[in-house]
Amino acid sequence: MTEREQDSLLREALRRVEPPEGFANRVLERLPAESSPGTPGVVKGSRPRSWFEFPWFVFPKMGWSPAMAAILVACLGAGSWEYAEWRDRRLRAERARDELIQALEITSAKVQETKARLLRPSKGGVL
């Protein structure tokens, strides 16, 4: 099938079609009888849309608030505990690094001292 044939099929499928006779009346009969005066399209008893409502989520009133607060407290507690553990591991690693540097400095000093003793001219010495 060529691109032109696809285009013509698509145009045919999407062409405007007039609704059947009496369609508008049947739709209007299905609407609720009571609507608010002065606000077309708003059904009486329905609540207006607020900024809490999004197409994918409707913000709950107050029923979930205690559960959300408990989850928030649990997450904050777990996060602070994890941060404290991470900080302690980091401090231990820094302390171990400092001790290793100090041990290497002491070892280097002892090696230099031993080397100086060995290379020093001595009476009847080995070297």
C-alpha atoms as a PDB file:
ATOM      1  CA  MET A   1       0.000   0.000   0.000  1.00  0.00           C
ATOM      2  CA  THR A   2       1.433   3.332  -1.025  1.00  0.00           C
ATOM      3  CA  GLU A   3       1.586   6.444   1.039  1.00  0.00           C
ATOM      4  CA  ARG A   4      -1.074   8.141  -1.083  1.00  0.00           C
ATOM      5  CA  GLU A   5      -3.456   5.234  -0.567  1.00  0.00           C
ATOM      6  CA  GLN A   6      -2.859   5.395   3.179  1.00  0.00           C
ATOM      7  CA  ASP A   7      -3.537   9.139   3.153  1.00  0.00           C
ATOM      8  CA  SER A   8      -6.771   8.719   1.240  1.00  0.00           C
ATOM      9  CA  LEU A   9      -7.928   5.943   3.607  1.00  0.00           C
ATOM     10  CA  LEU A  10      -7.121   8.134   6.585  1.00  0.00           C
ATOM     11  CA  ARG A  11      -8.991  11.102   5.121  1.00  0.00           C
ATOM     12  CA  GLU A  12     -11.996   8.893   4.422  1.00  0.00           C
ATOM     13  CA  ALA A  13     -11.977   7.523   7.961  1.00  0.00           C
ATOM     14  CA  LEU A  14     -11.681  11.000   9.498  1.00  0.00           C
ATOM     15  CA  ARG A  15     -14.165  12.835   7.291  1.00  0.00           C
ATOM     16  CA  ARG A  16     -16.990  14.705   8.967  1.00  0.00           C
ATOM     17  CA  VAL A  17     -20.192  12.735   9.395  1.00  0.00           C
ATOM     18  CA  GLU A  18     -23.480  14.380  10.343  1.00  0.00           C
ATOM     19  CA  PRO A  19     -25.108  12.915  13.468  1.00  0.00           C
ATOM     20  CA  PRO A  20     -28.334  10.981  13.047  1.00  0.00           C
ATOM     21  CA  GLU A  21     -31.701  12.728  13.391  1.00  0.00           C
ATOM     22  CA  GLY A  22     -32.644  13.400  17.046  1.00  0.00           C
ATOM     23  CA  PHE A  23     -29.150  12.732  18.435  1.00  0.00           C
ATOM     24  CA  ALA A  24     -28.980  16.044  20.312  1.00  0.00           C
ATOM     25  CA  ASN A  25     -32.386  15.473  21.927  1.00  0.00           C
ATOM     26  CA  ARG A  26     -31.412  11.974  23.106  1.00  0.00           C
ATOM     27  CA  VAL A  27     -28.209  13.358  24.681  1.00  0.00           C
ATOM     28  CA  LEU A  28     -30.094  16.157  26.426  1.00  0.00           C
ATOM     29  CA  GLU A  29     -32.637  13.677  27.824  1.00  0.00           C
ATOM     30  CA  ARG A  30     -29.846  11.738  29.526  1.00  0.00           C
ATOM     31  CA  LEU A  31     -28.518  14.808  31.360  1.00  0.00           C
ATOM     32  CA  PRO A  32     -29.688  15.407  34.955  1.00  0.00           C
ATOM     33  CA  ALA A  33     -32.842  17.454  35.173  1.00  0.00           C
ATOM     34  CA  GLU A  34     -31.487  19.975  37.724  1.00  0.00           C
ATOM     35  CA  SER A  35     -28.630  22.245  36.872  1.00  0.00           C
ATOM     36  CA  SER A  36     -27.423  25.399  38.599  1.00  0.00           C
ATOM     37  CA  PRO A  37     -28.921  28.562  37.133  1.00  0.00           C
ATOM     38  CA  GLY A  38     -26.402  30.907  35.614  1.00  0.00           C
ATOM     39  CA  THR A  39     -23.660  28.281  35.366  1.00  0.00           C
ATOM     40  CA  PRO A  40     -24.256  26.220  32.254  1.00  0.00           C
ATOM     41  CA  GLY A  41     -22.867  22.708  32.364  1.00  0.00           C
ATOM     42  CA  VAL A  42     -22.518  22.586  36.167  1.00  0.00           C
ATOM     43  CA  VAL A  43     -24.737  19.968  37.750  1.00  0.00           C
ATOM     44  CA  LYS A  44     -26.349  20.939  41.052  1.00  0.00           C
ATOM     45  CA  GLY A  45     -24.722  19.168  43.978  1.00  0.00           C
ATOM     46  CA  SER A  46     -21.387  18.674  42.263  1.00  0.00           C
ATOM     47  CA  ARG A  47     -18.405  20.363  43.782  1.00  0.00           C
ATOM     48  CA  PRO A  48     -16.363  22.822  41.747  1.00  0.00           C
ATOM     49  CA  ARG A  49     -12.883  21.883  40.644  1.00  0.00           C
ATOM     50  CA  SER A  50     -10.209  23.143  42.970  1.00  0.00           C
ATOM     51  CA  TRP A  51      -6.468  23.432  42.675  1.00  0.00           C
ATOM     52  CA  PHE A  52      -6.182  20.144  44.595  1.00  0.00           C
ATOM     53  CA  GLU A  53      -7.582  18.239  41.631  1.00  0.00           C
ATOM     54  CA  PHE A  54      -5.426  17.178  38.752  1.00  0.00           C
ATOM     55  CA  PRO A  55      -6.384  14.966  35.811  1.00  0.00           C
ATOM     56  CA  TRP A  56      -4.438  12.050  37.285  1.00  0.00           C
ATOM     57  CA  PHE A  57      -4.922  12.611  41.028  1.00  0.00           C
ATOM     58  CA  VAL A  58      -7.581  13.946  43.359  1.00  0.00           C
ATOM     59  CA  PHE A  59      -6.116  15.198  46.645  1.00  0.00           C
ATOM     60  CA  PRO A  60      -7.801  13.423  49.571  1.00  0.00           C
ATOM     61  CA  LYS A  61      -9.599  15.525  52.160  1.00  0.00           C
ATOM     62  CA  MET A  62      -8.186  14.513  55.552  1.00  0.00           C
ATOM     63  CA  GLY A  63      -8.666  10.742  55.769  1.00  0.00           C
ATOM     64  CA  TRP A  64      -5.131   9.875  54.710  1.00  0.00           C
ATOM     65  CA  SER A  65      -3.373  12.647  56.614  1.00  0.00           C
ATOM     66  CA  PRO A  66      -2.381  10.571  59.691  1.00  0.00           C
ATOM     67  CA  ALA A  67      -1.067   7.777  57.487  1.00  0.00           C
ATOM     68  CA  MET A  68       0.893  10.226  55.347  1.00  0.00           C
ATOM     69  CA  ALA A  69       2.321  11.876  58.468  1.00  0.00           C
ATOM     70  CA  ALA A  70       3.380   8.482  59.851  1.00  0.00           C
ATOM     71  CA  ILE A  71       5.049   7.537  56.569  1.00  0.00           C
ATOM     72  CA  LEU A  72       6.819  10.883  56.468  1.00  0.00           C
ATOM     73  CA  VAL A  73       8.116  10.468  60.030  1.00  0.00           C
ATOM     74  CA  ALA A  74       9.273   6.914  59.268  1.00  0.00           C
ATOM     75  CA  CYS A  75      11.094   8.023  56.126  1.00  0.00           C
ATOM     76  CA  LEU A  76      12.756  10.934  57.915  1.00  0.00           C
ATOM     77  CA  GLY A  77      13.814   8.656  60.778  1.00  0.00           C
ATOM     78  CA  ALA A  78      15.229   6.035  58.426  1.00  0.00           C
ATOM     79  CA  GLY A  79      17.021   8.711  56.404  1.00  0.00           C
ATOM     80  CA  SER A  80      18.597  10.328  59.444  1.00  0.00           C
ATOM     81  CA  TRP A  81      19.686   6.923  60.797  1.00  0.00           C
ATOM     82  CA  GLU A  82      21.238   6.044  57.420  1.00  0.00           C
ATOM     83  CA  TYR A  83      23.022   9.408  57.308  1.00  0.00           C
ATOM     84  CA  ALA A  84      24.416   8.877  60.822  1.00  0.00           C
ATOM     85  CA  GLU A  85      25.687   5.419  59.824  1.00  0.00           C
ATOM     86  CA  TRP A  86      27.297   6.848  56.670  1.00  0.00           C
ATOM     87  CA  ARG A  87      28.938   9.641  58.680  1.00  0.00           C
ATOM     88  CA  ASP A  88      30.320   7.149  61.237  1.00  0.00           C
ATOM     89  CA  ARG A  89      31.750   4.930  58.469  1.00  0.00           C
ATOM     90  CA  ARG A  90      33.341   7.973  56.868  1.00  0.00           C
ATOM     91  CA  LEU A  91      34.907   9.120  60.158  1.00  0.00           C
ATOM     92  CA  ARG A  92      36.273   5.606  60.826  1.00  0.00           C
ATOM     93  CA  ALA A  93      37.747   5.487  57.318  1.00  0.00           C
ATOM     94  CA  GLU A  94      39.379   8.899  57.762  1.00  0.00           C
ATOM     95  CA  ARG A  95      40.790   7.838  61.136  1.00  0.00           C
ATOM     96  CA  ALA A  96      42.172   4.601  59.614  1.00  0.00           C
ATOM     97  CA  ARG A  97      43.734   6.595  56.763  1.00  0.00           C
ATOM     98  CA  ASP A  98      45.394   8.998  59.220  1.00  0.00           C
ATOM     99  CA  GLU A  99      46.721   6.088  61.301  1.00  0.00           C
ATOM    100  CA  LEU A 100      48.086   4.419  58.156  1.00  0.00           C
ATOM    101  CA  ILE A 101      49.849   7.632  57.092  1.00  0.00           C
ATOM    102  CA  GLN A 102      51.342   7.994  60.571  1.00  0.00           C
ATOM    103  CA  ALA A 103      52.499   4.334  60.534  1.00  0.00           C
ATOM    104  CA  LEU A 104      54.103   4.788  57.116  1.00  0.00           C
ATOM    105  CA  GLU A 105      55.886   7.949  58.286  1.00  0.00           C
ATOM    106  CA  ILE A 106      57.222   6.120  61.350  1.00  0.00           C
ATOM    107  CA  THR A 107      58.297   3.170  59.184  1.00  0.00           C
ATOM    108  CA  SER A 108      60.016   5.505  56.723  1.00  0.00           C
ATOM    109  CA  ALA A 109      61.853   7.256  59.545  1.00  0.00           C
ATOM    110  CA  LYS A 110      62.996   3.914  61.007  1.00  0.00           C
ATOM    111  CA  VAL A 111      64.156   2.707  57.560  1.00  0.00           C
ATOM    112  CA  GLN A 112      66.120   5.946  57.044  1.00  0.00           C
ATOM    113  CA  GLU A 113      67.683   5.610  60.513  1.00  0.00           C
ATOM    114  CA  THR A 114      68.658   2.007  59.850  1.00  0.00           C
ATOM    115  CA  LYS A 115      70.083   2.920  56.452  1.00  0.00           C
ATOM    116  CA  ALA A 116      72.148   5.720  58.025  1.00  0.00           C
ATOM    117  CA  ARG A 117      73.533   3.307  60.644  1.00  0.00           C
ATOM    118  CA  LEU A 118      74.469   0.772  58.006  1.00  0.00           C
ATOM    119  CA  LEU A 119      76.215   3.296  55.783  1.00  0.00           C
ATOM    120  CA  ARG A 120      78.060   5.050  58.624  1.00  0.00           C
ATOM    121  CA  PRO A 121      81.785   4.286  58.669  1.00  0.00           C
ATOM    122  CA  SER A 122      82.592   2.258  61.696  1.00  0.00           C
ATOM    123  CA  LYS A 123      85.679   0.722  63.239  1.00  0.00           C
ATOM    124  CA  GLY A 124      85.668  -2.932  62.370  1.00  0.00           C
ATOM    125  CA  GLY A 125      82.091  -2.713  61.160  1.00  0.00           C
ATOM    126  CA  VAL A 126      80.410  -4.828  58.594  1.00  0.00           C
ATOM    127  CA  LEU A 127      80.389  -2.275  55.822  1.00  0.00           C
END
